[in-house]
Amino acid sequence: MERRRSWAESWAPIAAGLVVGIALALGAWWMMTQRGGDSGAAAFDPGPVHVHALGVDPADGALFVATHTGLYRVGEGEDTARRVSDRHQDTMGFTVAGPNRFLGSGHPDLRDDLPPLLDLIESSDAGRSWSSVSLLGEADFHVLRVAGERVYGYDASNDRLLASADGGRTWQELERPGPIVDLAVSPLEPTRLVAAAAGGSGAGLFESRDGGESWAPAADVVGLLAWPTPERLYVVAGDGDVLMSADGGRSLRPLGAVGGEPAAFLAASAAELYVALHDGTIKRSADGGATWAVRSTP
């Protein structure tokens, strides 16, 4: 009988896909530099290349898509992602912190005279412009999560998990169970975390009840996370299976499947979920992950 792959094994092809996506993005950036110097990025638009993160702006309900080649917006009634501005910054980490207020991280537009690592940046105009908050040139957050004034970030360039209690201006390094794939914060307790880790202490879900000072194994699952309500922690595994936990990740039950390999995941509410696939397709579920339909295409 064929052995069923573990959740950790099912995530391995996604990690490889991330490497391929980065290579494709670098190729797109190289092409831009060959087309007209400083004006090349404006003259050549590769479109959304590899989605890193998703967010819904409570100001108008629009879906925002953070990619290697910039930030895109899908408005109500639209089915195509449109570029927010002429900036092509590689927005790696991204989260919506409030109406029209976003936090991000990544790498600058090639036309900008900035260090290669933007670290924590902030927009107060729904992504049209950005300003530096902290750690410019020092870190590269691939995961960002906000709980009030508390911000958590996984700095992939230095393999470290950081936390800020003042909106991202100053940081403290935390323990981490291994290289972080994703992180979720309890909607009730900003110091209760669940992390999906791909190595270190072992691949799987880990829980912290002290703001990341210590971790305990929770489940043998690796995937993308969303925690919209206390009793609904969602996981999308590398093969696209959707699971839900009512106890912070210690036990999970299957719900459905997204029909592809996930690149980014978001819970806009307890029942409204979004997933971006590696080909740029974004799908939406209105029934808590049981069924999925295409929301937008690249």
Foldseek 3Di string as FASTA:
>chain_A
DDDDDFLLVLQVVVVVLVVVLVVVLVVQLVQQCVADHLCSLVVDPPDFGFWQEWEAAPQARWIWTQGQQAIWIAHPPGFATHHPESWGFRWQEKYAPHHQKIWTWAAGRPNDPFARTQPIWMTNHNRHDIDHQDDGNHFGFNYWDDDPQKIWTQGPVVRWIWIDNGNPNDIDTADDQARFPYKEAANVQRQWIWTQHNDRNHGAIWIGNGNRNDIDGADRHHAYWYHAHQQWIWGQGQAFWIWTGGHSRNDIDTADGAPAGFNYKYDPHQQWIWTAHNQGWIWIGRGRRNDIDTRHHD
